[in-house]
Amino acid sequence: MKKILLIFIAMFLTFPAFAQNADKLNEVIAKMQAADENVTTLEADFTQLIVFTVTNEKQKITGNVKYLKPDSAFIVQKTPQEQRIYISGKKIIIYTPENAQAIEDKYDNVINASFSPAAVVNFGANFKEISKNNVVRFVSEDDNNYILEVYPKKNKDWTMKLFISKDNMRPSKAVITSDGTEITADISNYRINNSELNKNLFKFKAPSGVEVIKLN
């Protein structure tokens, strides 16, 4: 389950700030850059359906994700078990209130080192670093979305189809396939530049009685 969660985090934090010699892909990237040019904070809701392809077991997760430029993120998984994920610079903390436990690790150890929350609000500046480790292809488009495919250059243990809304040039849906698992995430209700998202929201302060485990 941890692997599934982390794949989803990676999906949310790695909008396609990469280049390939394809005119259509370059066009989509340019439009996304323009849409994010003046963004300082971003918030969205998500619904995630996990299907274990071997057993056909299904699990539904709902939550909310917030970003603060340049490199902070706060993700709340509301169901089936509450988890709060704090990302700041090179550090990630996964806090599970029910277990009274928080795990702190280096961001690079959890997710591909080139992935950064800054990719959401300033991915143009992260263009070269992200493109070192990932491939992005323009696949097709429909009336409402551009459809891209994303996968690692090495150890291709997951692939993602990313649907970019033509209305706001932000991800509306992602389908992630890995060994034995398919994750479909619908992303909605974007809120941009909310002045109430201050820096303190993105900082983890352990409540009394909560054990903090530092892995690195």
N, C-alpha and C. Protein backbone atom coordinates (compact mmCIF):
# COMPACT_ATOMS: atom_id res chain seq x y z
N MET A 1 0.82 -1.21 0.00
CA MET A 1 0.00 0.00 0.00
C MET A 1 0.85 1.26 0.00
N LYS A 2 2.02 1.19 0.69
CA LYS A 2 2.90 2.35 0.69
C LYS A 2 3.34 2.69 -0.72
N LYS A 3 3.67 1.64 -1.51
CA LYS A 3 4.12 1.88 -2.88
C LYS A 3 3.03 2.56 -3.68
N ILE A 4 1.80 2.13 -3.50
CA ILE A 4 0.68 2.73 -4.22
C ILE A 4 0.53 4.19 -3.86
N LEU A 5 0.62 4.49 -2.58
CA LEU A 5 0.50 5.87 -2.12
C LEU A 5 1.58 6.73 -2.74
N LEU A 6 2.80 6.23 -2.77
CA LEU A 6 3.92 7.02 -3.26
C LEU A 6 3.84 7.22 -4.75
N ILE A 7 3.35 6.23 -5.48
CA ILE A 7 3.15 6.41 -6.91
C ILE A 7 2.15 7.54 -7.15
N PHE A 8 1.10 7.57 -6.34
CA PHE A 8 0.10 8.62 -6.50
C PHE A 8 0.68 9.99 -6.19
N ILE A 9 1.51 10.07 -5.12
CA ILE A 9 2.16 11.33 -4.80
C ILE A 9 2.99 11.79 -5.97
N ALA A 10 3.75 10.85 -6.53
CA ALA A 10 4.59 11.19 -7.68
C ALA A 10 3.75 11.73 -8.82
N MET A 11 2.61 11.09 -9.05
CA MET A 11 1.73 11.54 -10.12
C MET A 11 1.30 12.98 -9.89
N PHE A 12 0.95 13.30 -8.62
CA PHE A 12 0.44 14.62 -8.33
C PHE A 12 1.50 15.70 -8.44
N LEU A 13 2.75 15.32 -8.17
CA LEU A 13 3.80 16.31 -8.12
C LEU A 13 4.59 16.43 -9.40
N THR A 14 4.26 15.63 -10.38
CA THR A 14 5.07 15.63 -11.58
C THR A 14 4.24 15.90 -12.82
N PHE A 15 3.70 17.06 -12.89
CA PHE A 15 3.05 17.44 -14.11
C PHE A 15 4.11 17.51 -15.22
N PRO A 16 3.76 17.34 -16.48
CA PRO A 16 4.76 17.05 -17.50
C PRO A 16 5.58 18.26 -17.94
N ALA A 17 6.61 18.57 -17.17
CA ALA A 17 7.50 19.66 -17.51
C ALA A 17 8.71 19.11 -18.24
N PHE A 18 8.51 18.43 -19.33
CA PHE A 18 9.60 17.82 -20.05
C PHE A 18 9.48 18.18 -21.52
N ALA A 19 10.55 17.92 -22.27
CA ALA A 19 10.54 18.25 -23.69
C ALA A 19 10.75 17.03 -24.55
N GLN A 20 10.15 17.00 -25.69
CA GLN A 20 10.46 16.06 -26.74
C GLN A 20 10.29 16.79 -28.06
N ASN A 21 10.89 16.26 -29.10
CA ASN A 21 10.80 16.90 -30.40
C ASN A 21 9.47 16.58 -31.06
N ALA A 22 8.41 17.06 -30.47
CA ALA A 22 7.07 16.87 -31.02
C ALA A 22 6.33 18.19 -30.88
N ASP A 23 5.86 18.72 -31.98
CA ASP A 23 5.23 20.04 -31.97
C ASP A 23 4.03 20.09 -31.04
N LYS A 24 3.21 19.04 -31.06
CA LYS A 24 2.00 19.07 -30.24
C LYS A 24 2.33 19.06 -28.76
N LEU A 25 3.31 18.24 -28.37
CA LEU A 25 3.71 18.20 -26.97
C LEU A 25 4.26 19.56 -26.54
N ASN A 26 5.09 20.15 -27.38
CA ASN A 26 5.64 21.47 -27.06
C ASN A 26 4.54 22.50 -26.91
N GLU A 27 3.50 22.38 -27.75
CA GLU A 27 2.36 23.30 -27.67
C GLU A 27 1.64 23.16 -26.34
N VAL A 28 1.41 21.92 -25.92
CA VAL A 28 0.72 21.67 -24.65
C VAL A 28 1.55 22.20 -23.48
N ILE A 29 2.84 21.93 -23.49
CA ILE A 29 3.71 22.39 -22.42
C ILE A 29 3.71 23.91 -22.34
N ALA A 30 3.78 24.57 -23.48
CA ALA A 30 3.77 26.03 -23.50
C ALA A 30 2.50 26.59 -22.89
N LYS A 31 1.37 25.95 -23.18
CA LYS A 31 0.10 26.40 -22.62
C LYS A 31 0.05 26.18 -21.11
N MET A 32 0.61 25.06 -20.64
CA MET A 32 0.65 24.80 -19.20
C MET A 32 1.55 25.80 -18.49
N GLN A 33 2.67 26.12 -19.10
CA GLN A 33 3.57 27.12 -18.52
C GLN A 33 2.88 28.47 -18.41
N ALA A 34 2.15 28.85 -19.43
CA ALA A 34 1.44 30.12 -19.40
C ALA A 34 0.38 30.14 -18.30
N ALA A 35 -0.31 29.01 -18.11
CA ALA A 35 -1.36 28.92 -17.09
C ALA A 35 -0.77 29.01 -15.68
N ASP A 36 0.47 28.56 -15.50
CA ASP A 36 1.09 28.55 -14.18
C ASP A 36 2.02 29.72 -13.92
N GLU A 37 2.13 30.61 -14.88
CA GLU A 37 3.13 31.67 -14.79
C GLU A 37 2.99 32.52 -13.54
N ASN A 38 1.76 32.84 -13.16
CA ASN A 38 1.54 33.74 -12.03
C ASN A 38 0.98 33.03 -10.80
N VAL A 39 1.11 31.71 -10.76
CA VAL A 39 0.59 30.93 -9.65
C VAL A 39 1.57 30.95 -8.48
N THR A 40 1.08 31.23 -7.28
CA THR A 40 1.89 31.12 -6.07
C THR A 40 1.38 30.00 -5.16
N THR A 41 0.06 29.79 -5.15
CA THR A 41 -0.51 28.66 -4.42
C THR A 41 -1.55 27.97 -5.29
N LEU A 42 -1.71 26.68 -5.05
CA LEU A 42 -2.68 25.88 -5.81
C LEU A 42 -3.30 24.85 -4.89
N GLU A 43 -4.60 24.62 -5.05
CA GLU A 43 -5.31 23.62 -4.25
C GLU A 43 -6.28 22.86 -5.15
N ALA A 44 -6.43 21.56 -4.90
CA ALA A 44 -7.36 20.76 -5.69
C ALA A 44 -7.83 19.58 -4.87
N ASP A 45 -8.98 19.02 -5.26
CA ASP A 45 -9.51 17.80 -4.63
C ASP A 45 -9.26 16.63 -5.56
N PHE A 46 -9.16 15.43 -4.98
CA PHE A 46 -8.95 14.25 -5.81
C PHE A 46 -9.76 13.06 -5.29
N THR A 47 -10.16 12.21 -6.23
CA THR A 47 -10.76 10.92 -5.92
C THR A 47 -9.94 9.86 -6.64
N GLN A 48 -9.48 8.88 -5.89
CA GLN A 48 -8.56 7.89 -6.41
C GLN A 48 -9.16 6.49 -6.26
N LEU A 49 -9.23 5.76 -7.37
CA LEU A 49 -9.71 4.38 -7.33
C LEU A 49 -8.55 3.44 -7.63
N ILE A 50 -8.26 2.56 -6.68
CA ILE A 50 -7.18 1.59 -6.83
C ILE A 50 -7.79 0.23 -7.12
N VAL A 51 -7.34 -0.41 -8.19
CA VAL A 51 -7.80 -1.75 -8.54
C VAL A 51 -6.59 -2.69 -8.54
N PHE A 52 -6.67 -3.72 -7.71
CA PHE A 52 -5.63 -4.74 -7.68
C PHE A 52 -6.02 -5.78 -8.74
N THR A 53 -5.28 -5.78 -9.83
CA THR A 53 -5.72 -6.52 -11.01
C THR A 53 -5.73 -8.04 -10.81
N VAL A 54 -4.94 -8.56 -9.91
CA VAL A 54 -4.90 -10.01 -9.68
C VAL A 54 -6.16 -10.48 -8.96
N THR A 55 -6.55 -9.74 -7.92
CA THR A 55 -7.69 -10.14 -7.09
C THR A 55 -8.97 -9.38 -7.43
N ASN A 56 -8.84 -8.32 -8.25
CA ASN A 56 -9.95 -7.42 -8.58
C ASN A 56 -10.48 -6.69 -7.34
N GLU A 57 -9.69 -6.64 -6.29
CA GLU A 57 -10.04 -5.88 -5.10
C GLU A 57 -9.95 -4.39 -5.44
N LYS A 58 -10.88 -3.60 -4.88
CA LYS A 58 -10.90 -2.18 -5.18
C LYS A 58 -10.88 -1.37 -3.90
N GLN A 59 -10.26 -0.20 -3.98
CA GLN A 59 -10.22 0.71 -2.84
C GLN A 59 -10.36 2.13 -3.34
N LYS A 60 -11.21 2.89 -2.68
CA LYS A 60 -11.45 4.27 -3.06
C LYS A 60 -10.85 5.21 -2.02
N ILE A 61 -10.13 6.21 -2.50
CA ILE A 61 -9.48 7.18 -1.63
C ILE A 61 -9.90 8.58 -2.08
N THR A 62 -10.22 9.43 -1.13
CA THR A 62 -10.52 10.82 -1.45
C THR A 62 -9.58 11.71 -0.65
N GLY A 63 -9.37 12.90 -1.17
CA GLY A 63 -8.48 13.80 -0.44
C GLY A 63 -8.34 15.15 -1.09
N ASN A 64 -7.37 15.90 -0.59
CA ASN A 64 -7.14 17.27 -1.00
C ASN A 64 -5.63 17.52 -1.05
N VAL A 65 -5.20 18.30 -2.01
CA VAL A 65 -3.77 18.62 -2.13
C VAL A 65 -3.59 20.13 -2.25
N LYS A 66 -2.59 20.64 -1.54
CA LYS A 66 -2.29 22.07 -1.55
C LYS A 66 -0.80 22.24 -1.87
N TYR A 67 -0.49 23.32 -2.62
CA TYR A 67 0.89 23.63 -2.96
C TYR A 67 1.20 25.08 -2.63
N LEU A 68 2.42 25.30 -2.22
CA LEU A 68 2.92 26.65 -1.98
C LEU A 68 4.26 26.79 -2.68
N LYS A 69 4.34 27.75 -3.57
CA LYS A 69 5.57 27.99 -4.31
C LYS A 69 6.68 28.49 -3.36
N PRO A 70 7.93 27.99 -3.44
CA PRO A 70 8.43 27.21 -4.56
C PRO A 70 8.45 25.69 -4.36
N ASP A 71 8.43 25.20 -3.10
CA ASP A 71 8.71 23.76 -2.95
C ASP A 71 8.00 23.10 -1.77
N SER A 72 6.79 23.56 -1.46
CA SER A 72 6.05 22.98 -0.34
C SER A 72 4.72 22.40 -0.81
N ALA A 73 4.33 21.26 -0.21
CA ALA A 73 3.05 20.64 -0.53
C ALA A 73 2.46 20.02 0.73
N PHE A 74 1.12 19.96 0.77
CA PHE A 74 0.40 19.35 1.89
C PHE A 74 -0.75 18.55 1.29
N ILE A 75 -0.70 17.23 1.46
CA ILE A 75 -1.72 16.34 0.91
C ILE A 75 -2.46 15.67 2.06
N VAL A 76 -3.77 15.75 2.05
CA VAL A 76 -4.60 15.08 3.05
C VAL A 76 -5.40 13.99 2.38
N GLN A 77 -5.15 12.74 2.79
CA GLN A 77 -5.96 11.60 2.35
C GLN A 77 -7.05 11.41 3.40
N LYS A 78 -8.29 11.57 2.99
CA LYS A 78 -9.40 11.57 3.94
C LYS A 78 -9.97 10.18 4.19
N THR A 79 -10.05 9.34 3.16
CA THR A 79 -10.58 7.98 3.30
C THR A 79 -9.69 7.04 2.51
N PRO A 80 -9.64 5.73 2.87
CA PRO A 80 -10.33 5.08 3.99
C PRO A 80 -9.65 5.33 5.34
N GLN A 81 -8.38 5.72 5.35
CA GLN A 81 -7.67 6.06 6.58
C GLN A 81 -7.02 7.42 6.38
N GLU A 82 -7.18 8.28 7.35
CA GLU A 82 -6.63 9.61 7.21
C GLU A 82 -5.10 9.58 7.26
N GLN A 83 -4.48 10.22 6.30
CA GLN A 83 -3.05 10.44 6.29
C GLN A 83 -2.79 11.87 5.86
N ARG A 84 -1.75 12.45 6.43
CA ARG A 84 -1.37 13.81 6.08
C ARG A 84 0.09 13.77 5.63
N ILE A 85 0.35 14.30 4.46
CA ILE A 85 1.68 14.23 3.87
C ILE A 85 2.21 15.65 3.71
N TYR A 86 3.34 15.91 4.34
CA TYR A 86 3.97 17.22 4.29
C TYR A 86 5.26 17.12 3.48
N ILE A 87 5.41 17.98 2.49
CA ILE A 87 6.61 18.00 1.68
C ILE A 87 7.15 19.42 1.67
N SER A 88 8.42 19.53 2.03
CA SER A 88 9.07 20.83 2.04
C SER A 88 10.50 20.65 1.59
N GLY A 89 10.82 21.22 0.46
CA GLY A 89 12.18 21.08 -0.05
C GLY A 89 12.54 19.62 -0.27
N LYS A 90 13.54 19.14 0.45
CA LYS A 90 14.02 17.77 0.30
C LYS A 90 13.48 16.83 1.36
N LYS A 91 12.49 17.26 2.12
CA LYS A 91 11.97 16.44 3.23
C LYS A 91 10.50 16.10 3.01
N ILE A 92 10.13 14.86 3.37
CA ILE A 92 8.74 14.44 3.32
C ILE A 92 8.37 13.77 4.65
N ILE A 93 7.20 14.10 5.16
CA ILE A 93 6.68 13.51 6.40
C ILE A 93 5.30 12.94 6.10
N ILE A 94 5.10 11.67 6.43
CA ILE A 94 3.80 11.01 6.28
C ILE A 94 3.26 10.74 7.68
N TYR A 95 2.18 11.42 8.03
CA TYR A 95 1.61 11.34 9.37
C TYR A 95 0.27 10.63 9.32
N THR A 96 0.12 9.58 10.14
CA THR A 96 -1.12 8.82 10.24
C THR A 96 -1.71 9.04 11.63
N PRO A 97 -2.71 9.90 11.78
CA PRO A 97 -3.27 10.20 13.11
C PRO A 97 -3.75 8.96 13.86
N GLU A 98 -4.38 8.03 13.16
CA GLU A 98 -4.93 6.84 13.82
C GLU A 98 -3.84 6.03 14.52
N ASN A 99 -2.65 6.02 13.94
CA ASN A 99 -1.54 5.26 14.52
C ASN A 99 -0.66 6.10 15.44
N ALA A 100 -0.96 7.39 15.53
CA ALA A 100 -0.15 8.32 16.33
C ALA A 100 1.32 8.20 15.94
N GLN A 101 1.56 8.19 14.63
CA GLN A 101 2.92 7.98 14.13
C GLN A 101 3.17 8.81 12.89
N ALA A 102 4.37 9.35 12.80
CA ALA A 102 4.80 10.11 11.62
C ALA A 102 6.15 9.58 11.16
N ILE A 103 6.30 9.42 9.85
CA ILE A 103 7.55 8.95 9.28
C ILE A 103 8.17 10.07 8.47
N GLU A 104 9.41 10.39 8.80
CA GLU A 104 10.14 11.46 8.10
C GLU A 104 11.27 10.85 7.29
N ASP A 105 11.40 11.29 6.06
CA ASP A 105 12.45 10.76 5.19
C ASP A 105 12.90 11.86 4.24
N LYS A 106 13.99 11.59 3.54
CA LYS A 106 14.41 12.49 2.48
C LYS A 106 13.51 12.28 1.27
N TYR A 107 13.13 13.37 0.65
CA TYR A 107 12.24 13.30 -0.50
C TYR A 107 12.82 12.43 -1.60
N ASP A 108 14.13 12.51 -1.79
CA ASP A 108 14.77 11.75 -2.85
C ASP A 108 14.67 10.24 -2.63
N ASN A 109 14.57 9.81 -1.38
CA ASN A 109 14.47 8.39 -1.08
C ASN A 109 13.08 7.84 -1.33
N VAL A 110 12.10 8.72 -1.38
CA VAL A 110 10.71 8.29 -1.50
C VAL A 110 10.22 8.36 -2.94
N ILE A 111 10.59 9.42 -3.62
CA ILE A 111 10.12 9.67 -4.99
C ILE A 111 11.34 10.02 -5.84
N ASN A 112 11.26 9.70 -7.11
CA ASN A 112 12.30 10.06 -8.07
C ASN A 112 12.89 11.43 -7.74
N ALA A 113 14.20 11.50 -7.65
CA ALA A 113 14.86 12.71 -7.17
C ALA A 113 14.54 13.95 -8.00
N SER A 114 14.17 13.77 -9.26
CA SER A 114 13.90 14.93 -10.11
C SER A 114 12.50 15.48 -9.91
N PHE A 115 11.65 14.76 -9.16
CA PHE A 115 10.28 15.21 -8.94
C PHE A 115 10.26 16.24 -7.82
N SER A 116 9.54 17.31 -8.01
CA SER A 116 9.46 18.35 -7.00
C SER A 116 8.11 19.02 -7.04
N PRO A 117 7.60 19.42 -5.86
CA PRO A 117 6.35 20.19 -5.85
C PRO A 117 6.44 21.46 -6.68
N ALA A 118 7.65 21.96 -6.83
CA ALA A 118 7.83 23.16 -7.66
C ALA A 118 7.40 22.91 -9.09
N ALA A 119 7.36 21.64 -9.52
CA ALA A 119 6.93 21.32 -10.87
C ALA A 119 5.50 21.78 -11.12
N VAL A 120 4.71 21.90 -10.06
CA VAL A 120 3.31 22.30 -10.24
C VAL A 120 3.20 23.78 -10.57
N VAL A 121 3.89 24.64 -9.82
CA VAL A 121 3.71 26.07 -9.99
C VAL A 121 4.85 26.74 -10.74
N ASN A 122 5.93 26.02 -10.97
CA ASN A 122 7.08 26.63 -11.63
C ASN A 122 7.84 25.58 -12.43
N PHE A 123 7.09 24.74 -13.17
CA PHE A 123 7.77 23.59 -13.78
C PHE A 123 8.69 23.97 -14.92
N GLY A 124 8.54 25.17 -15.47
CA GLY A 124 9.46 25.60 -16.50
C GLY A 124 10.89 25.65 -15.99
N ALA A 125 11.05 26.09 -14.73
CA ALA A 125 12.38 26.17 -14.13
C ALA A 125 12.95 24.79 -13.84
N ASN A 126 12.11 23.78 -13.76
CA ASN A 126 12.55 22.42 -13.45
C ASN A 126 12.65 21.55 -14.70
N PHE A 127 12.50 22.17 -15.83
CA PHE A 127 12.45 21.46 -17.10
C PHE A 127 13.62 20.51 -17.31
N LYS A 128 14.84 21.00 -17.19
CA LYS A 128 16.01 20.18 -17.49
C LYS A 128 16.14 19.02 -16.51
N GLU A 129 15.93 19.28 -15.23
CA GLU A 129 16.11 18.23 -14.22
C GLU A 129 15.10 17.10 -14.39
N ILE A 130 13.85 17.44 -14.61
CA ILE A 130 12.81 16.42 -14.74
C ILE A 130 13.01 15.59 -16.00
N SER A 131 13.40 16.22 -17.07
CA SER A 131 13.53 15.51 -18.34
C SER A 131 14.71 14.54 -18.35
N LYS A 132 15.58 14.62 -17.36
CA LYS A 132 16.71 13.69 -17.29
C LYS A 132 16.25 12.26 -17.06
N ASN A 133 15.18 12.08 -16.30
CA ASN A 133 14.80 10.75 -15.85
C ASN A 133 13.46 10.24 -16.38
N ASN A 134 12.74 11.07 -17.15
CA ASN A 134 11.40 10.68 -17.56
C ASN A 134 11.14 10.98 -19.03
N VAL A 135 10.26 10.19 -19.60
CA VAL A 135 9.83 10.37 -20.98
C VAL A 135 8.37 10.80 -20.98
N VAL A 136 8.04 11.76 -21.83
CA VAL A 136 6.65 12.17 -21.99
C VAL A 136 6.33 12.18 -23.48
N ARG A 137 5.19 11.57 -23.83
CA ARG A 137 4.75 11.53 -25.23
C ARG A 137 3.35 12.11 -25.33
N PHE A 138 3.13 12.86 -26.38
CA PHE A 138 1.76 13.26 -26.70
C PHE A 138 1.08 12.06 -27.36
N VAL A 139 -0.08 11.64 -26.82
CA VAL A 139 -0.76 10.45 -27.31
C VAL A 139 -1.91 10.83 -28.24
N SER A 140 -2.80 11.67 -27.74
CA SER A 140 -3.98 12.05 -28.52
C SER A 140 -4.69 13.20 -27.82
N GLU A 141 -5.85 13.55 -28.34
CA GLU A 141 -6.69 14.54 -27.68
C GLU A 141 -8.14 14.27 -28.00
N ASP A 142 -9.02 14.73 -27.10
CA ASP A 142 -10.45 14.65 -27.37
C ASP A 142 -11.02 16.06 -27.25
N ASP A 143 -12.32 16.18 -27.15
CA ASP A 143 -12.93 17.51 -27.11
C ASP A 143 -12.52 18.31 -25.88
N ASN A 144 -12.18 17.59 -24.78
CA ASN A 144 -11.96 18.27 -23.51
C ASN A 144 -10.52 18.21 -23.00
N ASN A 145 -9.74 17.24 -23.49
CA ASN A 145 -8.42 17.02 -22.90
C ASN A 145 -7.34 16.74 -23.94
N TYR A 146 -6.11 17.11 -23.57
CA TYR A 146 -4.93 16.59 -24.23
C TYR A 146 -4.49 15.35 -23.43
N ILE A 147 -4.06 14.30 -24.09
CA ILE A 147 -3.70 13.06 -23.39
C ILE A 147 -2.22 12.78 -23.62
N LEU A 148 -1.48 12.70 -22.51
CA LEU A 148 -0.05 12.45 -22.54
C LEU A 148 0.27 11.13 -21.87
N GLU A 149 1.40 10.55 -22.23
CA GLU A 149 1.90 9.35 -21.56
C GLU A 149 3.23 9.69 -20.89
N VAL A 150 3.38 9.26 -19.63
CA VAL A 150 4.58 9.53 -18.86
C VAL A 150 5.12 8.22 -18.30
N TYR A 151 6.44 8.04 -18.39
CA TYR A 151 7.06 6.86 -17.77
C TYR A 151 8.55 7.11 -17.57
N PRO A 152 9.16 6.41 -16.60
CA PRO A 152 10.60 6.61 -16.34
C PRO A 152 11.44 6.09 -17.50
N LYS A 153 12.58 6.74 -17.70
CA LYS A 153 13.51 6.27 -18.72
C LYS A 153 14.14 4.94 -18.32
N LYS A 154 14.36 4.76 -17.02
CA LYS A 154 14.93 3.52 -16.50
C LYS A 154 13.95 2.88 -15.53
N ASN A 155 14.07 1.57 -15.38
CA ASN A 155 13.20 0.83 -14.45
C ASN A 155 11.73 1.20 -14.66
N LYS A 156 11.28 0.94 -15.85
CA LYS A 156 9.91 1.31 -16.23
C LYS A 156 8.91 0.40 -15.52
N ASP A 157 8.73 0.65 -14.22
CA ASP A 157 7.81 -0.17 -13.44
C ASP A 157 6.44 0.49 -13.29
N TRP A 158 6.23 1.64 -13.92
CA TRP A 158 4.90 2.24 -13.96
C TRP A 158 4.80 3.13 -15.20
N THR A 159 3.59 3.29 -15.67
CA THR A 159 3.30 4.23 -16.75
C THR A 159 2.06 5.02 -16.37
N MET A 160 1.95 6.20 -16.90
CA MET A 160 0.82 7.04 -16.56
C MET A 160 0.26 7.72 -17.80
N LYS A 161 -1.05 7.68 -17.95
CA LYS A 161 -1.74 8.50 -18.93
C LYS A 161 -2.30 9.71 -18.19
N LEU A 162 -1.92 10.87 -18.66
CA LEU A 162 -2.29 12.11 -17.99
C LEU A 162 -3.19 12.93 -18.91
N PHE A 163 -4.38 13.27 -18.40
CA PHE A 163 -5.36 14.03 -19.15
C PHE A 163 -5.27 15.50 -18.73
N ILE A 164 -4.94 16.37 -19.66
CA ILE A 164 -4.79 17.79 -19.38
C ILE A 164 -6.01 18.54 -19.91
N SER A 165 -6.74 19.16 -19.02
CA SER A 165 -7.96 19.88 -19.40
C SER A 165 -7.65 21.03 -20.34
N LYS A 166 -8.35 21.11 -21.44
CA LYS A 166 -8.19 22.23 -22.36
C LYS A 166 -8.77 23.52 -21.78
N ASP A 167 -9.64 23.37 -20.80
CA ASP A 167 -10.29 24.53 -20.20
C ASP A 167 -9.32 25.33 -19.33
N ASN A 168 -8.55 24.63 -18.46
CA ASN A 168 -7.65 25.35 -17.55
C ASN A 168 -6.19 24.91 -17.67
N MET A 169 -5.88 23.97 -18.58
CA MET A 169 -4.54 23.47 -18.82
C MET A 169 -3.91 22.87 -17.56
N ARG A 170 -4.76 22.16 -16.79
CA ARG A 170 -4.28 21.45 -15.60
C ARG A 170 -4.78 20.01 -15.67
N PRO A 171 -4.07 19.09 -14.99
CA PRO A 171 -4.49 17.68 -15.03
C PRO A 171 -5.92 17.50 -14.49
N SER A 172 -6.74 16.80 -15.23
CA SER A 172 -8.10 16.49 -14.79
C SER A 172 -8.23 15.01 -14.41
N LYS A 173 -7.34 14.19 -14.94
CA LYS A 173 -7.41 12.76 -14.68
C LYS A 173 -6.05 12.13 -14.96
N ALA A 174 -5.74 11.08 -14.19
CA ALA A 174 -4.52 10.31 -14.44
C ALA A 174 -4.82 8.84 -14.23
N VAL A 175 -4.28 8.02 -15.11
CA VAL A 175 -4.41 6.56 -14.97
C VAL A 175 -3.01 5.99 -14.89
N ILE A 176 -2.68 5.41 -13.74
CA ILE A 176 -1.34 4.90 -13.49
C ILE A 176 -1.39 3.38 -13.43
N THR A 177 -0.56 2.73 -14.23
CA THR A 177 -0.51 1.28 -14.26
C THR A 177 0.86 0.82 -13.78
N SER A 178 0.85 -0.06 -12.78
CA SER A 178 2.08 -0.67 -12.29
C SER A 178 1.83 -2.16 -12.14
N ASP A 179 2.81 -2.89 -11.66
CA ASP A 179 2.70 -4.33 -11.55
C ASP A 179 1.55 -4.73 -10.63
N GLY A 180 0.48 -5.26 -11.21
CA GLY A 180 -0.65 -5.75 -10.43
C GLY A 180 -1.60 -4.69 -9.93
N THR A 181 -1.41 -3.45 -10.34
CA THR A 181 -2.24 -2.37 -9.82
C THR A 181 -2.56 -1.35 -10.91
N GLU A 182 -3.81 -0.86 -10.89
CA GLU A 182 -4.18 0.27 -11.75
C GLU A 182 -4.83 1.33 -10.88
N ILE A 183 -4.35 2.55 -10.98
CA ILE A 183 -4.87 3.66 -10.19
C ILE A 183 -5.47 4.70 -11.13
N THR A 184 -6.71 5.06 -10.87
CA THR A 184 -7.36 6.13 -11.62
C THR A 184 -7.66 7.27 -10.67
N ALA A 185 -7.14 8.43 -10.96
CA ALA A 185 -7.34 9.60 -10.10
C ALA A 185 -8.03 10.70 -10.88
N ASP A 186 -9.13 11.18 -10.36
CA ASP A 186 -9.84 12.33 -10.92
C ASP A 186 -9.53 13.55 -10.07
N ILE A 187 -9.15 14.64 -10.72
CA ILE A 187 -8.71 15.84 -10.02
C ILE A 187 -9.65 16.98 -10.39
N SER A 188 -10.13 17.70 -9.39
CA SER A 188 -11.15 18.72 -9.66
C SER A 188 -11.05 19.86 -8.66
N ASN A 189 -11.90 20.88 -8.88
CA ASN A 189 -12.06 22.00 -7.95
C ASN A 189 -10.73 22.72 -7.69
N TYR A 190 -10.05 23.10 -8.74
CA TYR A 190 -8.81 23.85 -8.57
C TYR A 190 -9.08 25.23 -7.99
N ARG A 191 -8.27 25.62 -7.02
CA ARG A 191 -8.31 26.97 -6.47
C ARG A 191 -6.90 27.55 -6.57
N ILE A 192 -6.79 28.71 -7.13
CA ILE A 192 -5.49 29.31 -7.41
C ILE A 192 -5.28 30.56 -6.56
N ASN A 193 -4.07 30.71 -6.01
CA ASN A 193 -3.65 31.91 -5.28
C ASN A 193 -4.59 32.26 -4.13
N ASN A 194 -4.86 31.27 -3.28
CA ASN A 194 -5.67 31.47 -2.09
C ASN A 194 -4.79 32.09 -1.00
N SER A 195 -5.11 33.30 -0.60
CA SER A 195 -4.28 34.02 0.37
C SER A 195 -4.27 33.36 1.75
N GLU A 196 -5.24 32.45 2.01
CA GLU A 196 -5.32 31.79 3.30
C GLU A 196 -4.32 30.64 3.45
N LEU A 197 -3.69 30.24 2.35
CA LEU A 197 -2.71 29.16 2.41
C LEU A 197 -1.35 29.73 2.82
N ASN A 198 -1.17 29.91 4.14
CA ASN A 198 0.08 30.48 4.63
C ASN A 198 1.12 29.38 4.89
N LYS A 199 2.34 29.77 5.15
CA LYS A 199 3.45 28.84 5.29
C LYS A 199 3.27 27.86 6.44
N ASN A 200 2.61 28.27 7.51
CA ASN A 200 2.45 27.40 8.68
C ASN A 200 1.65 26.14 8.36
N LEU A 201 0.75 26.22 7.40
CA LEU A 201 -0.07 25.07 7.02
C LEU A 201 0.79 23.93 6.50
N PHE A 202 1.93 24.25 5.93
CA PHE A 202 2.77 23.25 5.28
C PHE A 202 3.88 22.72 6.20
N LYS A 203 3.86 23.14 7.45
CA LYS A 203 4.87 22.70 8.42
C LYS A 203 4.25 21.70 9.41
N PHE A 204 4.90 20.56 9.57
CA PHE A 204 4.39 19.53 10.48
C PHE A 204 4.87 19.79 11.90
N LYS A 205 3.92 19.85 12.81
CA LYS A 205 4.23 19.94 14.23
C LYS A 205 3.58 18.74 14.92
N ALA A 206 4.40 17.87 15.44
CA ALA A 206 3.90 16.63 16.02
C ALA A 206 3.03 16.90 17.24
N PRO A 207 1.76 16.42 17.22
CA PRO A 207 0.91 16.54 18.41
C PRO A 207 1.49 15.75 19.57
N SER A 208 1.05 16.05 20.75
CA SER A 208 1.51 15.34 21.94
C SER A 208 1.22 13.84 21.81
N GLY A 209 2.22 13.02 22.10
CA GLY A 209 2.04 11.58 22.06
C GLY A 209 2.32 10.95 20.71
N VAL A 210 2.61 11.75 19.69
CA VAL A 210 2.87 11.21 18.36
C VAL A 210 4.35 10.86 18.21
N GLU A 211 4.62 9.64 17.79
CA GLU A 211 5.99 9.18 17.57
C GLU A 211 6.45 9.59 16.19
N VAL A 212 7.62 10.24 16.12
CA VAL A 212 8.20 10.64 14.83
C VAL A 212 9.41 9.76 14.55
N ILE A 213 9.33 9.00 13.47
CA ILE A 213 10.39 8.08 13.07
C ILE A 213 11.17 8.71 11.92
N LYS A 214 12.44 9.01 12.17
CA LYS A 214 13.28 9.60 11.14
C LYS A 214 14.10 8.51 10.47
N LEU A 215 13.85 8.28 9.19
CA LEU A 215 14.55 7.22 8.47
C LEU A 215 15.91 7.68 8.01
N ASN A 216 16.07 8.95 7.75
CA ASN A 216 17.38 9.48 7.31
C ASN A 216 17.57 10.88 7.85
